[in-house]
Amino acid sequence: GALDVIVKAMSVHPKDRSLQEICCIALRNLSISSDARNELTVPDRLETIIHALTLQEESEVVQENVCGILWNLSANMGSRPFINPEDIEHIVKAMQNFPDAPGIQKAACGAIWSLATFSDEIQNAVAINGGIDAIMCALLLHQDKPGLLEFGIGVLCGLSVNRGIVKSIAEAGCIAAVTELIRNHMSCSPLFQTSCLFLHNMAYFDMNYAEEASAACSSIVRGMEENPDDATLIRAACCALSSLAANAEACRERIHACGGVSTIARAKERFRNFADVWSEAEGALAQL
């Protein structure tokens, strides 16, 4: 009955900042449990939790922990959506209100990334409510925090599968920003992989986006050379290079100029017993 007590206290004392903060911290910790997650998605309880975002806009603790709760819920609920698209506005607003707070930025990005996989409506809600600009701001302000950056680019990956949103992503300058992050964070494999997936998606939709991302080609190849045994990284890199090369002559030229063909060929041989990696390497070579 602890969940009922905590949520009821939140609903009875919505303007009590210290109580709201303590309750949100407790619920975030509880939301790690699968049993608690199922209980927290009950509409009335969830409404009270999300409502705290609007009533306690000045509390960094509330904003971070409610976003953390939504992150825990969305990352573990499979393909079942549990919030309405209009609720996305409150998560984005938390990012906008606290741009310098890495905890809020990471928790919000994690929540939005997971939620964006549920539906086109949620993806559109992120874009409509200024989510792309908020992500871009996070990427620029927190370049020394690769864990946060990974989740920010993850949001862009989730949005970049939506044909109606890719233009807004490109116009916000996200391609250039991600290209720079690849160059500066080559040792962070998760960030590198997510960046490659984002560039693959953007290049797939428009050759102009592939042209814009051509500067990333040499960095991707260098990432492969510096991490030759990382199968997941190599697969993501080859996937990106294949899409970029298929859609822009500038990309093909860059890949050839930096020795990318031989690098991909070596990766193909090294991972000849890994069908998924081998296939991506073979596809990239075919485009070159």
Protein backbone atom coordinates (compact mmCIF):
# COMPACT_ATOMS: atom_id res chain seq x y z
CA GLY A 1 0.00 0.00 0.00
CA ALA A 2 3.00 2.33 -0.01
CA LEU A 3 2.29 3.57 -3.52
CA ASP A 4 -1.24 4.56 -2.60
CA VAL A 5 -0.02 6.47 0.46
CA ILE A 6 2.67 8.34 -1.50
CA VAL A 7 0.47 9.24 -4.47
CA LYS A 8 -2.40 10.28 -2.20
CA ALA A 9 -0.06 12.57 -0.26
CA MET A 10 0.99 14.16 -3.55
CA SER A 11 -2.61 14.74 -4.60
CA VAL A 12 -3.67 16.12 -1.21
CA HIS A 13 -0.69 18.49 -0.88
CA PRO A 14 0.13 19.49 -4.46
CA LYS A 15 1.81 22.79 -3.52
CA ASP A 16 3.99 21.43 -0.70
CA ARG A 17 7.35 21.51 -2.44
CA SER A 18 9.36 19.52 0.08
CA LEU A 19 6.71 16.79 0.29
CA GLN A 20 6.44 16.60 -3.49
CA GLU A 21 10.22 16.26 -3.77
CA ILE A 22 10.42 13.46 -1.21
CA CYS A 23 7.50 11.62 -2.82
CA CYS A 24 8.97 11.88 -6.31
CA ILE A 25 12.33 10.54 -5.12
CA ALA A 26 10.56 7.62 -3.43
CA LEU A 27 8.46 6.82 -6.50
CA ARG A 28 11.50 6.95 -8.77
CA ASN A 29 13.24 4.39 -6.57
CA LEU A 30 10.13 2.23 -6.48
CA SER A 31 9.67 2.43 -10.26
CA ILE A 32 12.72 0.24 -10.67
CA SER A 33 10.52 -2.68 -9.53
CA SER A 34 8.35 -4.37 -12.16
CA ASP A 35 5.45 -4.70 -9.73
CA ALA A 36 5.58 -1.01 -8.89
CA ARG A 37 5.80 -0.05 -12.57
CA ASN A 38 2.54 -1.82 -13.27
CA GLU A 39 0.89 -0.03 -10.36
CA LEU A 40 2.23 3.38 -11.35
CA THR A 41 0.72 3.22 -14.82
CA VAL A 42 -2.79 3.22 -13.35
CA PRO A 43 -4.25 6.41 -14.94
CA ASP A 44 -5.13 8.27 -11.72
CA ARG A 45 -1.71 7.68 -10.19
CA LEU A 46 0.13 8.57 -13.36
CA GLU A 47 -1.90 11.75 -13.75
CA THR A 48 -0.91 12.85 -10.25
CA ILE A 49 2.77 12.21 -10.97
CA ILE A 50 2.75 14.07 -14.29
CA HIS A 51 0.73 16.88 -12.73
CA ALA A 52 3.65 17.48 -10.35
CA LEU A 53 5.70 18.67 -13.33
CA THR A 54 3.31 21.57 -13.88
CA LEU A 55 2.71 22.42 -10.21
CA GLN A 56 6.37 22.31 -9.17
CA GLU A 57 8.05 23.89 -12.20
CA GLU A 58 10.67 25.59 -10.02
CA SER A 59 11.76 22.40 -8.26
CA GLU A 60 14.74 20.78 -9.95
CA VAL A 61 14.27 17.72 -7.75
CA VAL A 62 10.66 17.19 -8.85
CA GLN A 63 11.43 17.79 -12.52
CA GLU A 64 14.35 15.34 -12.56
CA ASN A 65 12.65 12.59 -10.60
CA VAL A 66 9.32 12.71 -12.43
CA CYS A 67 11.22 12.48 -15.72
CA GLY A 68 13.16 9.60 -14.16
CA ILE A 69 9.93 7.84 -13.23
CA LEU A 70 8.59 8.22 -16.77
CA TRP A 71 11.93 6.97 -18.10
CA ASN A 72 11.78 3.84 -15.92
CA LEU A 73 8.19 3.20 -16.93
CA SER A 74 8.64 3.77 -20.66
CA ALA A 75 11.83 1.73 -20.88
CA ASN A 76 10.14 -1.32 -19.38
CA MET A 77 6.60 -1.35 -20.72
CA GLY A 78 7.29 -2.99 -24.06
CA SER A 79 5.31 -1.47 -26.93
CA ARG A 80 2.35 -0.41 -24.77
CA PRO A 81 1.94 3.37 -24.61
CA PHE A 82 0.84 4.64 -21.23
CA ILE A 83 0.82 8.43 -21.59
CA ASN A 84 -0.97 10.79 -23.91
CA PRO A 85 1.00 12.73 -26.56
CA GLU A 86 0.02 16.01 -24.90
CA ASP A 87 1.94 14.97 -21.78
CA ILE A 88 5.18 15.25 -23.78
CA GLU A 89 4.92 19.03 -23.46
CA HIS A 90 5.66 18.84 -19.73
CA ILE A 91 8.81 16.76 -20.20
CA VAL A 92 10.12 19.11 -22.88
CA LYS A 93 9.33 22.09 -20.67
CA ALA A 94 11.44 20.58 -17.88
CA MET A 95 14.39 20.57 -20.30
CA GLN A 96 13.67 24.14 -21.37
CA ASN A 97 13.39 25.42 -17.79
CA PHE A 98 16.62 23.79 -16.59
CA PRO A 99 19.03 23.72 -19.55
CA ASP A 100 22.10 23.68 -17.27
CA ALA A 101 20.92 20.78 -15.11
CA PRO A 102 22.48 17.57 -16.48
CA GLY A 103 20.32 15.33 -14.28
CA ILE A 104 17.11 16.74 -15.70
CA GLN A 105 18.45 16.74 -19.23
CA LYS A 106 19.51 13.09 -19.06
CA ALA A 107 16.33 11.87 -17.37
CA ALA A 108 14.12 13.80 -19.80
CA CYS A 109 16.07 12.55 -22.82
CA GLY A 110 15.86 8.99 -21.55
CA ALA A 111 12.10 9.29 -21.11
CA ILE A 112 11.50 10.93 -24.48
CA TRP A 113 13.75 8.43 -26.29
CA SER A 114 11.76 5.51 -24.87
CA LEU A 115 8.39 7.16 -25.34
CA ALA A 116 9.17 8.12 -28.94
CA THR A 117 9.25 4.43 -29.87
CA PHE A 118 5.57 4.06 -29.03
CA SER A 119 3.92 6.04 -31.82
CA ASP A 120 4.14 8.70 -34.51
CA GLU A 121 1.82 10.84 -32.41
CA ILE A 122 4.34 11.02 -29.59
CA GLN A 123 7.17 11.72 -32.05
CA ASN A 124 5.15 14.56 -33.54
CA ALA A 125 4.36 15.90 -30.07
CA VAL A 126 8.09 16.12 -29.30
CA ALA A 127 8.68 18.19 -32.42
CA ILE A 128 5.59 20.39 -32.00
CA ASN A 129 6.47 21.28 -28.41
CA GLY A 130 10.04 22.38 -29.12
CA GLY A 131 11.69 19.10 -28.25
CA ILE A 132 14.18 19.20 -31.12
CA ASP A 133 15.52 22.59 -30.08
CA ALA A 134 15.68 21.43 -26.45
CA ILE A 135 17.74 18.41 -27.48
CA MET A 136 20.00 20.58 -29.60
CA CYS A 137 20.54 22.88 -26.63
CA ALA A 138 21.46 19.89 -24.45
CA LEU A 139 23.98 18.67 -27.03
CA LEU A 140 25.66 22.06 -27.14
CA LEU A 141 25.68 22.79 -23.40
CA HIS A 142 26.81 19.37 -22.14
CA GLN A 143 29.50 18.27 -24.56
CA ASP A 144 31.61 16.97 -21.68
CA LYS A 145 28.98 14.44 -20.60
CA PRO A 146 28.94 11.57 -23.12
CA GLY A 147 26.28 9.64 -21.18
CA LEU A 148 23.83 12.52 -21.49
CA LEU A 149 24.82 13.11 -25.12
CA GLU A 150 24.10 9.48 -25.95
CA PHE A 151 20.50 9.85 -24.77
CA GLY A 152 20.08 13.18 -26.54
CA ILE A 153 21.19 11.67 -29.83
CA GLY A 154 19.02 8.68 -29.02
CA VAL A 155 16.00 10.98 -29.06
CA LEU A 156 17.07 12.24 -32.49
CA CYS A 157 17.35 8.62 -33.65
CA GLY A 158 13.84 7.93 -32.45
CA LEU A 159 12.52 10.99 -34.25
CA SER A 160 14.52 10.51 -37.45
CA VAL A 161 12.44 7.51 -38.49
CA ASN A 162 9.50 9.88 -38.94
CA ARG A 163 9.53 11.36 -42.45
CA GLY A 164 7.46 14.33 -41.32
CA ILE A 165 10.06 15.37 -38.73
CA VAL A 166 13.42 14.90 -40.47
CA LYS A 167 13.32 18.32 -42.11
CA SER A 168 12.89 20.01 -38.73
CA ILE A 169 15.78 17.97 -37.35
CA ALA A 170 18.04 19.02 -40.22
CA GLU A 171 17.02 22.67 -40.02
CA ALA A 172 17.85 22.74 -36.30
CA GLY A 173 21.49 21.97 -37.13
CA CYS A 174 21.48 18.51 -35.61
CA ILE A 175 23.51 16.88 -38.38
CA ALA A 176 26.45 19.23 -37.89
CA ALA A 177 26.21 18.89 -34.11
CA VAL A 178 26.26 15.09 -34.21
CA THR A 179 29.12 15.13 -36.71
CA GLU A 180 31.17 17.18 -34.25
CA LEU A 181 30.26 14.90 -31.35
CA ILE A 182 31.47 11.84 -33.26
CA ARG A 183 34.81 13.54 -33.77
CA ASN A 184 35.15 14.49 -30.10
CA HIS A 185 33.85 11.29 -28.45
CA MET A 186 35.29 8.46 -30.48
CA SER A 187 36.21 6.46 -27.38
CA CYS A 188 32.60 6.33 -26.16
CA SER A 189 31.19 3.34 -28.02
CA PRO A 190 27.47 3.81 -27.15
CA LEU A 191 27.58 7.48 -28.19
CA PHE A 192 29.44 6.61 -31.38
CA GLN A 193 26.94 3.89 -32.28
CA THR A 194 23.90 6.07 -31.65
CA SER A 195 25.43 8.87 -33.73
CA CYS A 196 26.04 6.49 -36.62
CA LEU A 197 22.45 5.29 -36.52
CA PHE A 198 21.18 8.87 -36.58
CA LEU A 199 23.30 9.78 -39.62
CA HIS A 200 22.21 6.58 -41.35
CA ASN A 201 18.55 7.53 -40.89
CA MET A 202 19.03 11.11 -42.07
CA ALA A 203 21.02 10.09 -45.16
CA TYR A 204 18.36 7.55 -46.05
CA PHE A 205 15.67 10.22 -46.31
CA ASP A 206 17.46 12.89 -48.34
CA MET A 207 20.70 13.12 -50.32
CA ASN A 208 21.13 16.70 -49.12
CA TYR A 209 21.35 15.42 -45.56
CA ALA A 210 23.93 12.86 -46.67
CA GLU A 211 25.96 15.65 -48.27
CA GLU A 212 25.77 17.65 -45.06
CA ALA A 213 27.02 14.67 -43.08
CA SER A 214 29.96 13.98 -45.40
CA ALA A 215 32.38 15.52 -42.89
CA ALA A 216 31.55 12.68 -40.50
CA CYS A 217 32.81 9.98 -42.86
CA SER A 218 36.48 10.29 -41.94
CA SER A 219 35.62 10.32 -38.22
CA ILE A 220 33.53 7.18 -38.60
CA VAL A 221 36.35 5.42 -40.41
CA ARG A 222 38.84 6.52 -37.74
CA GLY A 223 36.46 5.22 -35.07
CA MET A 224 36.54 1.83 -36.77
CA GLU A 225 40.33 1.88 -36.86
CA GLU A 226 40.61 2.80 -33.18
CA ASN A 227 38.06 0.18 -32.06
CA PRO A 228 38.71 -2.77 -34.38
CA ASP A 229 37.41 -5.41 -31.95
CA ASP A 230 34.12 -3.72 -31.05
CA ALA A 231 31.67 -5.68 -33.20
CA THR A 232 28.65 -3.52 -32.34
CA LEU A 233 30.51 -0.31 -33.12
CA ILE A 234 31.85 -1.72 -36.39
CA ARG A 235 28.37 -2.79 -37.45
CA ALA A 236 26.91 0.65 -36.72
CA ALA A 237 29.78 2.37 -38.52
CA CYS A 238 29.40 0.21 -41.63
CA CYS A 239 25.64 0.77 -41.60
CA ALA A 240 26.16 4.55 -41.54
CA LEU A 241 28.87 4.52 -44.20
CA SER A 242 26.71 2.40 -46.47
CA SER A 243 23.79 4.82 -46.25
CA LEU A 244 26.01 7.89 -46.62
CA ALA A 245 27.89 6.46 -49.61
CA ALA A 246 24.66 5.37 -51.29
CA ASN A 247 23.23 8.87 -51.20
CA ALA A 248 26.10 11.30 -51.75
CA GLU A 249 29.12 11.42 -54.03
CA ALA A 250 30.87 13.65 -51.48
CA CYS A 251 30.61 10.86 -48.93
CA ARG A 252 32.03 8.29 -51.30
CA GLU A 253 34.96 10.58 -52.04
CA ARG A 254 35.65 11.19 -48.36
CA ILE A 255 35.53 7.49 -47.52
CA HIS A 256 37.96 6.65 -50.33
CA ALA A 257 40.27 9.53 -49.42
CA CYS A 258 40.68 8.44 -45.80
CA GLY A 259 41.31 4.78 -46.59
CA GLY A 260 37.82 3.71 -45.66
CA VAL A 261 37.57 0.93 -48.22
CA SER A 262 40.53 -0.97 -46.78
CA THR A 263 39.29 -0.35 -43.24
CA ILE A 264 35.87 -1.77 -44.07
CA ALA A 265 37.46 -4.71 -45.90
CA ARG A 266 39.58 -5.55 -42.85
CA ALA A 267 36.50 -5.36 -40.64
CA LYS A 268 34.65 -7.66 -42.99
CA GLU A 269 37.43 -10.22 -42.76
CA ARG A 270 37.82 -9.86 -38.99
CA PHE A 271 34.11 -10.46 -38.43
CA ARG A 272 33.52 -13.01 -41.15
CA ASN A 273 31.84 -15.30 -38.59
CA PHE A 274 29.49 -12.55 -37.40
CA ALA A 275 26.73 -12.51 -40.00
CA ASP A 276 25.21 -9.15 -39.06
CA VAL A 277 28.56 -7.31 -39.03
CA TRP A 278 29.79 -9.05 -42.18
CA SER A 279 26.58 -8.15 -43.99
CA GLU A 280 26.82 -4.45 -43.11
CA ALA A 281 30.47 -4.34 -44.17
CA GLU A 282 29.62 -6.06 -47.44
CA GLY A 283 26.82 -3.57 -48.04
CA ALA A 284 29.13 -0.62 -47.44
CA LEU A 285 31.75 -1.97 -49.83
CA ALA A 286 29.09 -2.49 -52.48
CA GLN A 287 28.23 1.24 -52.33
CA LEU A 288 31.92 2.16 -52.73
